[in-house]
Amino acid sequence: MKLIAVFAFSMAAMSAFGQQSDSDKIARIKKDLAEIADLEASLLAPPPDITSKYAEFLKTPETGIVKLFRRGTRRDVMGPRMDGGAYYSFVRRSHEYGQGNDIELDEGGLFKVGFAGADYGFFISLGRGEIESIPQESQNPPAWLTASARKAWESAWSYRTPTSIEEFRKEARAAENHILPRDGVVYLLRSIAPRRSDVLVAFKVEKTLDDSVVIVWRLLNNWPTPEIR
């Protein structure tokens, strides 16, 4: 009896929709899509206490807060366009997947870079420190860096991209393209995508949640688009 009632309700609903004009249906679809987009944005929003903590920092250019879900955990509510909120582009300021992304939180909870074609990159751990103290210039590294971290800082800035697809693939195979997030640690990410972008980003893991990680970031440099032959 319950199945019959559900079927009858579905048929009645279909009949009601069928009586609507095309313009009414289009308006309804647009309204529903807008509501879905708002809900997605709310789901991806960082916790208010973190946003409040970094209110002054976020007033400076090229900064932000991002919440990333572990890949696969939110595909049921954020489909192929967002791929579950596991990716982010610091260039486009977007979680949207497929248009070029710089960072991924994979199924195992690791940060990754370089997911398609000849894209690649590497991570560097700078240690525990404040993201606010990271400057947008290579000559003035934070005072709290250790000697090894200072050397890694310099290499991240001075690294030059290859110019052939073979060299790109070789570099991709050798790159340290994943790292385990640790709360309170500041990382550098150099993300390189031929014919699209080459950026250096500093970010701090502010909070690790059950299925997501919240990072606070600053874009340090955006080099000319890498060309390959």
Protein backbone atom coordinates (compact mmCIF):
# COMPACT_ATOMS: atom_id res chain seq x y z
CA MET A 1 0.00 0.00 0.00
CA LYS A 2 2.86 2.37 0.83
CA LEU A 3 4.45 1.85 -2.61
CA ILE A 4 1.13 2.51 -4.30
CA ALA A 5 0.75 5.74 -2.33
CA VAL A 6 4.28 6.89 -3.28
CA PHE A 7 3.63 6.05 -6.94
CA ALA A 8 0.34 7.94 -6.87
CA PHE A 9 2.05 10.96 -5.30
CA SER A 10 4.82 10.87 -7.94
CA MET A 11 2.30 10.70 -10.76
CA ALA A 12 0.37 13.60 -9.26
CA ALA A 13 3.56 15.66 -8.93
CA MET A 14 4.53 14.89 -12.52
CA SER A 15 1.10 15.88 -13.66
CA ALA A 16 1.34 19.17 -11.76
CA PHE A 17 4.77 19.92 -13.27
CA GLY A 18 3.44 18.96 -16.69
CA GLN A 19 0.81 21.67 -16.42
CA GLN A 20 3.44 24.36 -15.89
CA SER A 21 4.68 26.45 -18.79
CA ASP A 22 8.29 26.13 -19.99
CA SER A 23 9.06 29.57 -18.59
CA ASP A 24 7.76 28.50 -15.16
CA LYS A 25 9.91 25.35 -15.27
CA ILE A 26 13.00 27.32 -16.27
CA ALA A 27 12.39 29.81 -13.45
CA ARG A 28 12.01 26.94 -10.97
CA ILE A 29 15.23 25.29 -12.18
CA LYS A 30 17.16 28.57 -11.89
CA LYS A 31 15.81 29.10 -8.38
CA ASP A 32 16.76 25.56 -7.31
CA LEU A 33 20.24 25.86 -8.83
CA ALA A 34 20.80 29.16 -7.01
CA GLU A 35 19.74 27.54 -3.73
CA ILE A 36 22.08 24.59 -4.36
CA ALA A 37 24.97 26.98 -5.07
CA ASP A 38 24.25 28.82 -1.81
CA LEU A 39 24.19 25.54 0.13
CA GLU A 40 27.47 24.42 -1.48
CA ALA A 41 29.08 27.74 -0.54
CA SER A 42 27.81 27.35 3.03
CA LEU A 43 29.19 23.80 3.24
CA LEU A 44 32.58 24.95 1.96
CA ALA A 45 32.74 28.01 4.22
CA PRO A 46 35.42 27.90 6.95
CA PRO A 47 34.33 27.97 10.61
CA PRO A 48 33.37 31.50 11.73
CA ASP A 49 35.90 31.51 14.58
CA ILE A 50 38.77 31.04 12.10
CA THR A 51 37.44 33.75 9.80
CA SER A 52 37.19 36.09 12.77
CA LYS A 53 40.70 35.21 13.97
CA TYR A 54 42.20 36.19 10.60
CA ALA A 55 39.97 39.19 9.88
CA GLU A 56 42.88 41.64 9.69
CA PHE A 57 45.06 39.27 7.67
CA LEU A 58 42.28 38.79 5.12
CA LYS A 59 42.22 42.53 4.45
CA THR A 60 45.62 42.25 2.78
CA PRO A 61 45.83 41.36 -0.93
CA GLU A 62 46.20 37.79 -2.21
CA THR A 63 45.02 36.05 0.97
CA GLY A 64 42.20 33.70 1.87
CA ILE A 65 40.82 30.81 3.91
CA VAL A 66 39.87 27.52 2.28
CA LYS A 67 38.10 24.42 3.52
CA LEU A 68 38.89 21.24 1.61
CA PHE A 69 37.00 17.97 1.99
CA ARG A 70 38.79 14.65 1.63
CA ARG A 71 38.25 13.39 -1.90
CA GLY A 72 35.24 11.12 -2.14
CA THR A 73 33.57 12.10 1.15
CA ARG A 74 31.21 14.74 -0.28
CA ARG A 75 30.63 13.65 -3.87
CA ASP A 76 27.08 12.68 -2.91
CA VAL A 77 26.17 16.34 -2.39
CA MET A 78 28.77 18.12 -4.57
CA GLY A 79 28.95 16.38 -7.94
CA PRO A 80 31.40 16.43 -10.87
CA ARG A 81 31.53 20.22 -11.15
CA MET A 82 32.86 20.52 -7.59
CA ASP A 83 34.09 16.91 -7.16
CA GLY A 84 33.18 16.95 -3.50
CA GLY A 85 35.07 20.13 -2.62
CA ALA A 86 38.44 18.35 -2.60
CA TYR A 87 40.22 20.77 -4.96
CA TYR A 88 41.12 24.44 -5.02
CA SER A 89 42.67 26.90 -7.46
CA PHE A 90 44.60 29.79 -5.90
CA VAL A 91 44.65 31.42 -9.33
CA ARG A 92 40.89 31.29 -9.97
CA ARG A 93 39.89 31.38 -6.27
CA SER A 94 37.56 28.44 -6.85
CA HIS A 95 36.85 24.87 -5.71
CA GLU A 96 35.43 24.08 -9.14
CA TYR A 97 37.13 21.05 -10.66
CA GLY A 98 38.36 20.64 -14.21
CA GLN A 99 39.46 24.20 -15.01
CA GLY A 100 42.89 23.91 -13.40
CA ASN A 101 43.53 23.31 -9.70
CA ASP A 102 46.57 23.76 -7.47
CA ILE A 103 45.82 21.58 -4.46
CA GLU A 104 43.85 18.44 -3.59
CA LEU A 105 43.00 16.76 -0.29
CA ASP A 106 43.08 13.11 -1.32
CA GLU A 107 41.21 10.08 0.05
CA GLY A 108 43.93 9.39 2.61
CA GLY A 109 44.00 12.96 3.90
CA LEU A 110 47.19 14.01 2.08
CA PHE A 111 47.67 17.28 0.22
CA LYS A 112 48.56 16.68 -3.43
CA VAL A 113 49.56 18.82 -6.42
CA GLY A 114 49.65 17.95 -10.12
CA PHE A 115 46.61 15.90 -11.15
CA ALA A 116 46.37 16.12 -14.94
CA GLY A 117 48.53 16.16 -18.04
CA ALA A 118 51.97 17.64 -17.43
CA ASP A 119 50.89 19.60 -14.33
CA TYR A 120 53.18 19.13 -11.34
CA GLY A 121 54.54 20.86 -8.26
CA PHE A 122 56.01 20.34 -4.82
CA PHE A 123 55.41 21.05 -1.16
CA ILE A 124 57.87 22.33 1.44
CA SER A 125 57.26 22.30 5.19
CA LEU A 126 58.56 25.47 6.84
CA GLY A 127 57.66 24.40 10.38
CA ARG A 128 55.36 25.95 12.94
CA GLY A 129 54.91 29.67 12.55
CA GLU A 130 52.49 32.45 11.70
CA ILE A 131 51.18 32.86 8.17
CA GLU A 132 51.01 36.62 8.75
CA SER A 133 54.82 36.72 8.93
CA ILE A 134 55.30 35.23 5.44
CA PRO A 135 56.30 38.06 3.05
CA GLN A 136 55.61 38.33 -0.67
CA GLU A 137 59.30 38.67 -1.45
CA SER A 138 62.07 36.11 -1.65
CA GLN A 139 64.80 38.24 -0.06
CA ASN A 140 63.12 38.55 3.34
CA PRO A 141 62.28 35.08 4.73
CA PRO A 142 60.61 34.86 8.16
CA ALA A 143 63.02 35.07 11.08
CA TRP A 144 61.65 31.89 12.66
CA LEU A 145 62.82 29.61 9.83
CA THR A 146 65.50 27.06 10.62
CA ALA A 147 68.61 26.94 8.44
CA SER A 148 67.22 24.01 6.39
CA ALA A 149 63.82 25.69 6.02
CA ARG A 150 65.51 28.90 4.89
CA LYS A 151 67.38 26.98 2.19
CA ALA A 152 64.13 25.33 1.07
CA TRP A 153 62.47 28.77 1.00
CA GLU A 154 65.15 30.04 -1.35
CA SER A 155 64.88 27.01 -3.63
CA ALA A 156 61.09 27.40 -3.92
CA TRP A 157 61.55 30.96 -5.17
CA SER A 158 64.53 30.30 -7.44
CA TYR A 159 63.19 27.14 -9.11
CA ARG A 160 62.80 27.58 -12.88
CA THR A 161 60.37 25.55 -14.94
CA PRO A 162 61.51 23.40 -17.88
CA THR A 163 60.63 24.23 -21.47
CA SER A 164 59.95 20.83 -23.06
CA ILE A 165 57.18 18.32 -22.34
CA GLU A 166 59.77 15.60 -21.72
CA GLU A 167 61.46 17.73 -19.05
CA PHE A 168 58.09 18.59 -17.53
CA ARG A 169 57.24 14.91 -17.15
CA LYS A 170 60.68 14.14 -15.73
CA GLU A 171 60.30 16.90 -13.14
CA ALA A 172 56.80 15.67 -12.31
CA ARG A 173 58.09 12.17 -11.56
CA ALA A 174 60.79 13.55 -9.25
CA ALA A 175 58.71 16.17 -7.44
CA GLU A 176 57.53 15.83 -3.83
CA ASN A 177 53.91 16.13 -4.89
CA HIS A 178 52.18 15.17 -1.63
CA ILE A 179 52.47 15.95 2.07
CA LEU A 180 50.63 15.16 5.31
CA PRO A 181 48.79 18.15 6.82
CA ARG A 182 49.78 19.01 10.39
CA ASP A 183 47.93 21.58 12.45
CA GLY A 184 49.90 24.77 13.02
CA VAL A 185 52.49 24.04 10.32
CA VAL A 186 53.18 26.47 7.47
CA TYR A 187 53.86 25.04 4.01
CA LEU A 188 55.00 26.35 0.67
CA LEU A 189 53.34 25.06 -2.49
CA ARG A 190 54.80 25.63 -5.94
CA SER A 191 52.11 24.64 -8.45
CA ILE A 192 53.09 24.52 -12.13
CA ALA A 193 50.71 23.99 -15.05
CA PRO A 194 52.04 24.40 -18.62
CA ARG A 195 50.20 27.04 -20.65
CA ARG A 196 48.15 28.00 -17.59
CA SER A 197 49.96 29.09 -14.42
CA ASP A 198 53.01 28.94 -12.16
CA VAL A 199 52.39 30.07 -8.59
CA LEU A 200 54.01 29.98 -5.17
CA VAL A 201 51.63 29.87 -2.22
CA ALA A 202 52.26 29.82 1.52
CA PHE A 203 49.55 28.26 3.68
CA LYS A 204 49.03 27.26 7.27
CA VAL A 205 46.96 24.28 8.38
CA GLU A 206 44.66 25.98 10.82
CA LYS A 207 42.35 23.08 11.66
CA THR A 208 41.97 19.40 10.77
CA LEU A 209 38.39 18.14 11.00
CA ASP A 210 36.98 14.62 10.61
CA ASP A 211 36.49 14.89 6.85
CA SER A 212 38.14 18.19 5.96
CA VAL A 213 41.07 20.55 6.50
CA VAL A 214 40.96 24.35 6.86
CA ILE A 215 43.95 26.31 5.56
CA VAL A 216 44.84 30.00 5.64
CA TRP A 217 46.87 31.10 2.63
CA ARG A 218 48.82 33.87 0.95
CA LEU A 219 49.78 33.94 -2.73
CA LEU A 220 53.47 34.87 -2.80
CA ASN A 221 54.21 35.02 -6.51
CA ASN A 222 52.60 34.40 -9.89
CA TRP A 223 55.21 33.83 -12.58
CA PRO A 224 54.55 34.15 -16.34
CA THR A 225 52.64 31.25 -17.85
CA PRO A 226 55.03 28.35 -18.57
CA GLU A 227 55.37 27.51 -22.23
CA ILE A 228 56.47 24.11 -23.54
CA ARG A 229 57.64 22.98 -26.93
